[in-house]
Amino acid sequence: MLINQSFQIDQPVDQVWKFFDDIPLVAKCIPGADLTNQVGDDQYEGDVIISAGPVKLEFSGSVKIKSRDEARKVLVLDAFGADKKGRGSATMIMQISLKPLGGATDVSLNIDLSISGAAAQYGRGLVVDVTSVLIEQTAGSMKLRITAMSEGRDPYAIDAPQAASGLAIGFTAFLRAAKRVFARFFLPYEPAPSR
């Protein structure tokens, strides 16, 4: 499934690029992620824990930089994770694109996510909603760490977001799903144009 998300950071594009070039630092922004074990050039291993409703998934995984285009400010990450209890796996290709906006930066995340096993049972809508909540939490942490870098503070000293909580994520995902359902029923019907 394809997921697209964008957000703005009030820092120059070169500062934001420097941040994204540090994969363990980027991973520290993801709730429940610990991908700090470097196993090769641009390749890291670690764990990701996600709780969503009745499902708690603990993935062992790896991420590597597939390509890096400094001139265009585009980074492509290739990630794989397998549930520690053998209940499924996930693969992800994420393209991070940065665009300058005066003194700020627009960050676009294009994610191609494939999930099998327990998490896949809950359907595309829930997975997209949960992923969107995680990305929003991640973006908030990124902004704090990039600001710390620009102020000369240690970005690793910023508290990591808590492991992805089932209650918070589940409630937010439920609200998003409910909004979609109600929109279908209460938006005015518009017939298709006749030919």
Protein backbone atom coordinates (compact mmCIF):
# COMPACT_ATOMS: atom_id res chain seq x y z
CA MET A 1 0.00 0.00 0.00
CA LEU A 2 1.16 3.53 -0.74
CA ILE A 3 1.14 6.18 1.98
CA ASN A 4 2.10 9.80 1.36
CA GLN A 5 2.68 12.31 4.13
CA SER A 6 4.30 15.72 4.21
CA PHE A 7 5.14 18.26 6.88
CA GLN A 8 7.19 21.42 7.28
CA ILE A 9 10.17 22.08 9.52
CA ASP A 10 11.25 25.64 10.30
CA GLN A 11 14.91 24.97 9.47
CA PRO A 12 16.96 25.37 6.27
CA VAL A 13 17.06 22.41 3.88
CA ASP A 14 20.79 21.73 4.45
CA GLN A 15 20.23 21.39 8.20
CA VAL A 16 17.30 19.02 7.64
CA TRP A 17 19.34 16.97 5.13
CA LYS A 18 22.13 16.62 7.68
CA PHE A 19 19.58 15.21 10.12
CA PHE A 20 18.19 12.64 7.66
CA ASP A 21 21.70 11.47 6.83
CA ASP A 22 21.98 10.09 10.39
CA ILE A 23 19.80 6.94 10.32
CA PRO A 24 20.12 6.05 14.04
CA LEU A 25 19.01 9.60 14.88
CA VAL A 26 16.06 9.35 12.48
CA ALA A 27 15.13 5.98 14.05
CA LYS A 28 15.11 7.55 17.53
CA CYS A 29 12.19 9.70 16.34
CA ILE A 30 10.00 6.68 15.55
CA PRO A 31 7.91 5.56 18.54
CA GLY A 32 9.06 2.13 19.68
CA ALA A 33 12.05 1.94 17.30
CA ASP A 34 15.65 1.17 18.18
CA LEU A 35 17.71 0.76 15.00
CA THR A 36 21.15 1.71 16.24
CA ASN A 37 23.21 -1.43 15.53
CA GLN A 38 25.30 -0.62 12.43
CA VAL A 39 26.04 -3.82 10.50
CA GLY A 40 27.56 -2.33 7.35
CA ASP A 41 27.86 0.81 5.28
CA ASP A 42 24.50 2.57 5.52
CA GLN A 43 22.84 -0.53 7.04
CA TYR A 44 21.39 -0.86 10.54
CA GLU A 45 19.54 -3.48 12.57
CA GLY A 46 17.33 -3.31 15.63
CA ASP A 47 13.80 -3.62 16.98
CA VAL A 48 10.46 -1.90 16.50
CA ILE A 49 7.53 -2.41 18.92
CA ILE A 50 4.00 -1.40 17.90
CA SER A 51 0.81 -1.89 19.92
CA ALA A 52 -2.49 -1.23 18.17
CA GLY A 53 -5.62 -2.34 19.94
CA PRO A 54 -5.40 -6.06 20.77
CA VAL A 55 -2.27 -6.58 18.67
CA LYS A 56 1.25 -6.01 19.95
CA LEU A 57 3.91 -6.60 17.34
CA GLU A 58 7.61 -6.79 18.13
CA PHE A 59 9.69 -6.69 14.97
CA SER A 60 13.35 -7.47 14.51
CA GLY A 61 14.42 -5.64 11.44
CA SER A 62 16.93 -3.87 9.32
CA VAL A 63 17.06 -0.67 7.32
CA LYS A 64 19.55 0.37 4.70
CA ILE A 65 20.02 3.43 2.57
CA LYS A 66 19.14 2.31 -0.94
CA SER A 67 20.06 5.60 -2.60
CA ARG A 68 21.14 9.09 -1.61
CA ASP A 69 20.93 12.11 -3.96
CA GLU A 70 22.44 15.08 -2.17
CA ALA A 71 21.91 17.50 -5.07
CA ARG A 72 18.16 16.80 -5.25
CA LYS A 73 17.90 16.12 -1.47
CA VAL A 74 16.24 12.71 -1.95
CA LEU A 75 16.96 9.71 0.27
CA VAL A 76 15.51 6.22 -0.27
CA LEU A 77 15.40 3.73 2.61
CA ASP A 78 14.74 -0.01 2.27
CA ALA A 79 13.45 -1.70 5.44
CA PHE A 80 12.38 -5.20 6.46
CA GLY A 81 11.04 -6.51 9.75
CA ALA A 82 9.87 -9.90 11.00
CA ASP A 83 7.66 -10.36 14.05
CA LYS A 84 9.63 -12.05 16.82
CA LYS A 85 6.77 -14.52 17.41
CA GLY A 86 6.53 -15.45 13.74
CA ARG A 87 3.14 -13.78 13.23
CA GLY A 88 4.05 -11.75 10.19
CA SER A 89 6.47 -9.42 8.51
CA ALA A 90 6.65 -6.00 6.95
CA THR A 91 8.65 -4.50 4.12
CA MET A 92 8.90 -0.82 3.37
CA ILE A 93 10.49 1.43 0.80
CA MET A 94 10.49 5.05 1.99
CA GLN A 95 11.48 7.99 -0.17
CA ILE A 96 12.29 11.17 1.73
CA SER A 97 12.29 14.31 -0.41
CA LEU A 98 13.25 17.75 0.88
CA LYS A 99 12.31 21.06 -0.73
CA PRO A 100 13.44 24.48 0.48
CA LEU A 101 10.72 26.95 1.45
CA GLY A 102 12.67 30.11 2.15
CA GLY A 103 14.18 29.44 5.59
CA ALA A 104 11.99 26.36 6.12
CA THR A 105 11.88 22.89 4.55
CA ASP A 106 9.04 20.82 3.16
CA VAL A 107 9.54 17.12 3.97
CA SER A 108 7.67 14.59 1.81
CA LEU A 109 7.53 10.94 2.81
CA ASN A 110 6.40 8.46 0.16
CA ILE A 111 6.02 5.02 1.71
CA ASP A 112 5.38 1.73 -0.07
CA LEU A 113 4.39 -0.61 2.78
CA SER A 114 3.62 -4.32 2.58
CA ILE A 115 2.40 -6.18 5.68
CA SER A 116 1.64 -9.87 6.11
CA GLY A 117 0.37 -11.87 9.06
CA ALA A 118 -1.40 -10.55 12.18
CA ALA A 119 -1.21 -6.83 11.31
CA ALA A 120 -2.58 -7.43 7.81
CA GLN A 121 -5.79 -8.97 9.25
CA TYR A 122 -7.03 -5.56 10.36
CA GLY A 123 -7.42 -4.18 6.88
CA ARG A 124 -5.88 -1.42 4.85
CA GLY A 125 -7.85 1.43 6.47
CA LEU A 126 -6.67 0.65 10.02
CA VAL A 127 -3.07 0.11 8.89
CA VAL A 128 -3.08 3.47 7.06
CA ASP A 129 -4.61 5.23 10.09
CA VAL A 130 -2.11 3.68 12.52
CA THR A 131 0.78 4.50 10.19
CA SER A 132 -0.44 8.10 9.85
CA VAL A 133 -0.56 8.51 13.64
CA LEU A 134 2.98 7.11 13.94
CA ILE A 135 4.23 9.45 11.21
CA GLU A 136 2.69 12.47 12.99
CA GLN A 137 4.40 11.46 16.25
CA THR A 138 7.66 10.88 14.36
CA ALA A 139 7.45 14.28 12.65
CA GLY A 140 7.02 16.01 16.01
CA SER A 141 10.12 14.31 17.38
CA MET A 142 12.08 15.13 14.21
CA LYS A 143 11.25 18.82 14.55
CA LEU A 144 12.51 18.87 18.14
CA ARG A 145 15.78 17.12 17.25
CA ILE A 146 16.48 19.24 14.16
CA THR A 147 15.89 22.39 16.23
CA ALA A 148 18.30 21.04 18.88
CA MET A 149 20.94 20.47 16.15
CA SER A 150 20.50 24.03 14.84
CA GLU A 151 20.97 25.39 18.38
CA GLY A 152 24.15 23.37 18.95
CA ARG A 153 22.49 21.00 21.43
CA ASP A 154 22.85 17.21 21.33
CA PRO A 155 19.86 15.85 19.33
CA TYR A 156 20.37 12.43 20.95
CA ALA A 157 19.67 13.99 24.36
CA ILE A 158 16.06 14.77 23.40
CA ASP A 159 13.68 12.25 24.96
CA ALA A 160 12.61 9.60 22.47
CA PRO A 161 8.89 9.26 21.83
CA GLN A 162 7.34 6.48 23.87
CA ALA A 163 6.77 3.09 22.29
CA ALA A 164 3.72 3.18 20.08
CA SER A 165 0.81 2.90 22.49
CA GLY A 166 -2.21 0.83 21.54
CA LEU A 167 -4.66 3.05 23.40
CA ALA A 168 -3.54 6.36 21.87
CA ILE A 169 -3.04 4.96 18.38
CA GLY A 170 -6.19 2.84 18.48
CA PHE A 171 -8.35 5.76 19.61
CA THR A 172 -6.96 8.16 17.00
CA ALA A 173 -7.24 5.53 14.26
CA PHE A 174 -10.84 4.82 15.34
CA LEU A 175 -11.72 8.52 15.10
CA ARG A 176 -10.25 8.73 11.60
CA ALA A 177 -12.13 5.64 10.47
CA ALA A 178 -15.39 6.94 11.98
CA LYS A 179 -14.91 10.26 10.21
CA ARG A 180 -14.57 8.45 6.85
CA VAL A 181 -17.68 6.34 7.47
CA PHE A 182 -19.83 9.32 8.53
CA ALA A 183 -18.59 11.36 5.59
CA ARG A 184 -19.88 8.66 3.21
CA PHE A 185 -23.35 8.79 4.75
CA PHE A 186 -23.76 12.50 5.32
CA LEU A 187 -22.08 14.13 2.34
CA PRO A 188 -24.60 15.17 -0.28
CA TYR A 189 -25.05 12.69 -3.10
CA GLU A 190 -23.81 13.95 -6.44
CA PRO A 191 -24.85 11.85 -9.43
CA ALA A 192 -22.26 11.13 -12.06
CA PRO A 193 -22.47 13.50 -15.03
CA SER A 194 -24.48 12.12 -17.96
CA ARG A 195 -22.71 11.52 -21.23
